Amino acid sequence: MLSAQNTASVAKRFYGKQGRDVALGVMSFVNIEANEGDDPMMAPIKDGTGKIYNQKDDRIKHIQHVARLKCGSTNPKDRPMIPKDWSVSFKFELQENGMLNLATLKKMVEQGGILGLGTFRPIFGRFSVTWFD
């Protein structure tokens, strides 16, 4: 979402000619961890009451789409759809550098809510930042 090279990213969409440098700053100087563990891919996703979703949770619906590749072939997708009012927390560690500062990183995370998380964005995965410290 922040610095992807092959899909829409915050750096590409919002930073124009500087987007490549900003993306390199994110990739080189930002470490993202889950608040409750090291791997951000394993960060617990919670519902509005704080209950954690699990992989076989009945509250998660599976939406099936078929992506059309440029070569004309199809690529079936099975995407999980989590109900509104979900939350997830991450810890961002920034090593100050000439390409990126804390204010820009905060703005990028907030702008990321417009693009969304995961695949099939920005239709799904939109979010808002409610706390950044």
C-alpha atoms as a PDB file:
ATOM      1  CA  MET A   1       0.000   0.000   0.000  1.00  0.00           C
ATOM      2  CA  LEU A   2       2.727   2.485   0.921  1.00  0.00           C
ATOM      3  CA  SER A   3       5.396   1.708  -1.658  1.00  0.00           C
ATOM      4  CA  ALA A   4       4.323  -1.122  -3.994  1.00  0.00           C
ATOM      5  CA  GLN A   5       6.095  -1.138  -7.346  1.00  0.00           C
ATOM      6  CA  ASN A   6       3.598  -3.175  -9.398  1.00  0.00           C
ATOM      7  CA  THR A   7       0.265  -1.768  -8.176  1.00  0.00           C
ATOM      8  CA  ALA A   8      -1.166   1.551  -7.051  1.00  0.00           C
ATOM      9  CA  SER A   9       0.648   2.812  -3.969  1.00  0.00           C
ATOM     10  CA  VAL A  10       0.560   5.940  -1.859  1.00  0.00           C
ATOM     11  CA  ALA A  11       4.017   6.931  -3.118  1.00  0.00           C
ATOM     12  CA  LYS A  12       2.963   6.627  -6.777  1.00  0.00           C
ATOM     13  CA  ARG A  13      -0.457   8.225  -6.422  1.00  0.00           C
ATOM     14  CA  PHE A  14       0.242  11.139  -4.099  1.00  0.00           C
ATOM     15  CA  TYR A  15       3.918  12.065  -4.533  1.00  0.00           C
ATOM     16  CA  GLY A  16       4.338  12.496  -8.293  1.00  0.00           C
ATOM     17  CA  LYS A  17       7.949  12.745  -9.443  1.00  0.00           C
ATOM     18  CA  GLN A  18       9.193  12.291  -5.878  1.00  0.00           C
ATOM     19  CA  GLY A  19       7.146   9.094  -5.497  1.00  0.00           C
ATOM     20  CA  ARG A  20      10.027   6.761  -6.321  1.00  0.00           C
ATOM     21  CA  ASP A  21      12.308   8.405  -3.725  1.00  0.00           C
ATOM     22  CA  VAL A  22       9.547   8.387  -1.115  1.00  0.00           C
ATOM     23  CA  ALA A  23       8.872   4.683  -1.829  1.00  0.00           C
ATOM     24  CA  LEU A  24      12.587   3.899  -1.462  1.00  0.00           C
ATOM     25  CA  GLY A  25      12.564   5.803   1.829  1.00  0.00           C
ATOM     26  CA  VAL A  26       9.708   3.641   3.113  1.00  0.00           C
ATOM     27  CA  MET A  27      11.313   0.395   1.966  1.00  0.00           C
ATOM     28  CA  SER A  28      14.747   1.298   3.319  1.00  0.00           C
ATOM     29  CA  PHE A  29      14.053   3.172   6.537  1.00  0.00           C
ATOM     30  CA  VAL A  30      10.684   1.984   7.907  1.00  0.00           C
ATOM     31  CA  ASN A  31      10.140  -1.165   9.934  1.00  0.00           C
ATOM     32  CA  ILE A  32       6.517  -2.250  10.405  1.00  0.00           C
ATOM     33  CA  GLU A  33       5.645  -4.718  13.160  1.00  0.00           C
ATOM     34  CA  ALA A  34       2.450  -5.974  14.726  1.00  0.00           C
ATOM     35  CA  ASN A  35       1.881  -4.509  18.195  1.00  0.00           C
ATOM     36  CA  GLU A  36       1.292  -7.997  19.556  1.00  0.00           C
ATOM     37  CA  GLY A  37       4.104  -9.768  17.671  1.00  0.00           C
ATOM     38  CA  ASP A  38       6.853  -9.265  15.136  1.00  0.00           C
ATOM     39  CA  ASP A  39       5.204 -10.271  11.857  1.00  0.00           C
ATOM     40  CA  PRO A  40       2.817  -7.589  10.508  1.00  0.00           C
ATOM     41  CA  MET A  41       1.100 -10.273   8.394  1.00  0.00           C
ATOM     42  CA  MET A  42       0.047 -11.963  11.633  1.00  0.00           C
ATOM     43  CA  ALA A  43      -1.335  -8.846  13.342  1.00  0.00           C
ATOM     44  CA  PRO A  44      -4.676  -9.730  14.926  1.00  0.00           C
ATOM     45  CA  ILE A  45      -7.701  -8.190  13.222  1.00  0.00           C
ATOM     46  CA  LYS A  46     -10.441  -7.319  15.704  1.00  0.00           C
ATOM     47  CA  ASP A  47     -14.131  -6.582  15.366  1.00  0.00           C
ATOM     48  CA  GLY A  48     -15.845  -3.559  16.899  1.00  0.00           C
ATOM     49  CA  THR A  49     -16.069  -5.278  20.294  1.00  0.00           C
ATOM     50  CA  GLY A  50     -12.385  -6.293  20.355  1.00  0.00           C
ATOM     51  CA  LYS A  51     -12.975  -9.959  19.484  1.00  0.00           C
ATOM     52  CA  ILE A  52     -10.202 -11.332  17.256  1.00  0.00           C
ATOM     53  CA  TYR A  53     -11.080 -12.857  13.886  1.00  0.00           C
ATOM     54  CA  ASN A  54      -9.609 -16.273  13.090  1.00  0.00           C
ATOM     55  CA  GLN A  55      -9.116 -17.946   9.711  1.00  0.00           C
ATOM     56  CA  LYS A  56     -12.253 -20.095   9.929  1.00  0.00           C
ATOM     57  CA  ASP A  57     -14.442 -17.366  11.440  1.00  0.00           C
ATOM     58  CA  ASP A  58     -18.066 -17.506  10.272  1.00  0.00           C
ATOM     59  CA  ARG A  59     -18.219 -13.703  10.303  1.00  0.00           C
ATOM     60  CA  ILE A  60     -15.792 -13.581   7.347  1.00  0.00           C
ATOM     61  CA  LYS A  61     -17.439 -13.950   3.943  1.00  0.00           C
ATOM     62  CA  HIS A  62     -15.555 -15.152   0.878  1.00  0.00           C
ATOM     63  CA  ILE A  63     -16.075 -13.212  -2.319  1.00  0.00           C
ATOM     64  CA  GLN A  64     -15.032 -14.817  -5.596  1.00  0.00           C
ATOM     65  CA  HIS A  65     -13.884 -12.702  -8.548  1.00  0.00           C
ATOM     66  CA  VAL A  66     -12.023 -13.399 -11.744  1.00  0.00           C
ATOM     67  CA  ALA A  67      -9.169 -11.056 -12.552  1.00  0.00           C
ATOM     68  CA  ARG A  68      -8.386 -10.555 -16.224  1.00  0.00           C
ATOM     69  CA  LEU A  69      -4.684 -10.436 -16.959  1.00  0.00           C
ATOM     70  CA  LYS A  70      -3.188  -8.286 -19.743  1.00  0.00           C
ATOM     71  CA  CYS A  71      -2.464 -11.406 -21.805  1.00  0.00           C
ATOM     72  CA  GLY A  72      -6.197 -12.213 -21.796  1.00  0.00           C
ATOM     73  CA  SER A  73      -6.080 -15.187 -19.442  1.00  0.00           C
ATOM     74  CA  THR A  74      -8.178 -15.324 -16.282  1.00  0.00           C
ATOM     75  CA  ASN A  75      -6.974 -15.476 -12.689  1.00  0.00           C
ATOM     76  CA  PRO A  76      -9.677 -16.612 -10.211  1.00  0.00           C
ATOM     77  CA  LYS A  77      -9.541 -14.888  -6.811  1.00  0.00           C
ATOM     78  CA  ASP A  78     -11.121 -15.864  -3.504  1.00  0.00           C
ATOM     79  CA  ARG A  79     -10.999 -12.848  -1.205  1.00  0.00           C
ATOM     80  CA  PRO A  80     -12.072 -12.650   2.434  1.00  0.00           C
ATOM     81  CA  MET A  81     -14.484  -9.852   3.300  1.00  0.00           C
ATOM     82  CA  ILE A  82     -14.493  -8.723   6.918  1.00  0.00           C
ATOM     83  CA  PRO A  83     -17.498  -6.734   8.167  1.00  0.00           C
ATOM     84  CA  LYS A  84     -17.144  -3.013   8.859  1.00  0.00           C
ATOM     85  CA  ASP A  85     -15.747  -1.778  12.170  1.00  0.00           C
ATOM     86  CA  TRP A  86     -12.623  -3.935  12.038  1.00  0.00           C
ATOM     87  CA  SER A  87      -9.345  -2.737  13.507  1.00  0.00           C
ATOM     88  CA  VAL A  88      -5.693  -3.717  13.404  1.00  0.00           C
ATOM     89  CA  SER A  89      -2.673  -2.112  15.082  1.00  0.00           C
ATOM     90  CA  PHE A  90       0.870  -1.753  13.811  1.00  0.00           C
ATOM     91  CA  LYS A  91       4.090  -0.343  15.169  1.00  0.00           C
ATOM     92  CA  PHE A  92       6.037   1.829  12.714  1.00  0.00           C
ATOM     93  CA  GLU A  93       9.708   2.485  13.406  1.00  0.00           C
ATOM     94  CA  LEU A  94      11.314   5.140  11.242  1.00  0.00           C
ATOM     95  CA  GLN A  95      15.013   5.743  10.970  1.00  0.00           C
ATOM     96  CA  GLU A  96      15.261   9.447  10.125  1.00  0.00           C
ATOM     97  CA  ASN A  97      16.720  10.034   6.648  1.00  0.00           C
ATOM     98  CA  GLY A  98      16.775  12.514   3.782  1.00  0.00           C
ATOM     99  CA  MET A  99      13.921  10.862   1.862  1.00  0.00           C
ATOM    100  CA  LEU A 100      11.277  10.471   4.558  1.00  0.00           C
ATOM    101  CA  ASN A 101      10.393  11.998   7.923  1.00  0.00           C
ATOM    102  CA  LEU A 102       7.796  11.117  10.569  1.00  0.00           C
ATOM    103  CA  ALA A 103       5.255  13.707   9.374  1.00  0.00           C
ATOM    104  CA  THR A 104       5.407  12.323   5.816  1.00  0.00           C
ATOM    105  CA  LEU A 105       5.098   8.720   7.045  1.00  0.00           C
ATOM    106  CA  LYS A 106       2.042   9.634   9.140  1.00  0.00           C
ATOM    107  CA  LYS A 107       0.473  11.397   6.154  1.00  0.00           C
ATOM    108  CA  MET A 108       1.208   8.381   3.923  1.00  0.00           C
ATOM    109  CA  VAL A 109      -0.489   5.965   6.332  1.00  0.00           C
ATOM    110  CA  GLU A 110      -3.525   8.248   6.447  1.00  0.00           C
ATOM    111  CA  GLN A 111      -3.563   8.565   2.630  1.00  0.00           C
ATOM    112  CA  GLY A 112      -3.341   4.775   2.429  1.00  0.00           C
ATOM    113  CA  GLY A 113      -6.892   4.617   3.724  1.00  0.00           C
ATOM    114  CA  ILE A 114      -8.048   6.036   0.394  1.00  0.00           C
ATOM    115  CA  LEU A 115      -6.292   3.229  -1.510  1.00  0.00           C
ATOM    116  CA  GLY A 116      -7.121   0.450   0.955  1.00  0.00           C
ATOM    117  CA  LEU A 117      -5.320  -2.679   2.132  1.00  0.00           C
ATOM    118  CA  GLY A 118      -5.031  -6.040   0.400  1.00  0.00           C
ATOM    119  CA  THR A 119      -6.150  -7.052  -3.048  1.00  0.00           C
ATOM    120  CA  PHE A 120      -9.034  -5.631  -5.070  1.00  0.00           C
ATOM    121  CA  ARG A 121      -8.383  -2.154  -3.760  1.00  0.00           C
ATOM    122  CA  PRO A 122      -9.707   0.469  -3.500  1.00  0.00           C
ATOM    123  CA  ILE A 123     -13.128  -1.200  -3.629  1.00  0.00           C
ATOM    124  CA  PHE A 124     -12.323  -3.162  -0.454  1.00  0.00           C
ATOM    125  CA  GLY A 125      -9.903  -2.558   2.408  1.00  0.00           C
ATOM    126  CA  ARG A 126     -10.427   1.141   2.936  1.00  0.00           C
ATOM    127  CA  PHE A 127      -9.603   2.369   6.405  1.00  0.00           C
ATOM    128  CA  SER A 128      -9.025   5.443   8.524  1.00  0.00           C
ATOM    129  CA  VAL A 129      -6.279   6.083  11.044  1.00  0.00           C
ATOM    130  CA  THR A 130      -7.727   6.677  14.500  1.00  0.00           C
ATOM    131  CA  TRP A 131      -4.488   6.855  16.473  1.00  0.00           C
ATOM    132  CA  PHE A 132      -0.892   7.630  15.545  1.00  0.00           C
ATOM    133  CA  ASP A 133       1.725   8.327  18.198  1.00  0.00           C
END
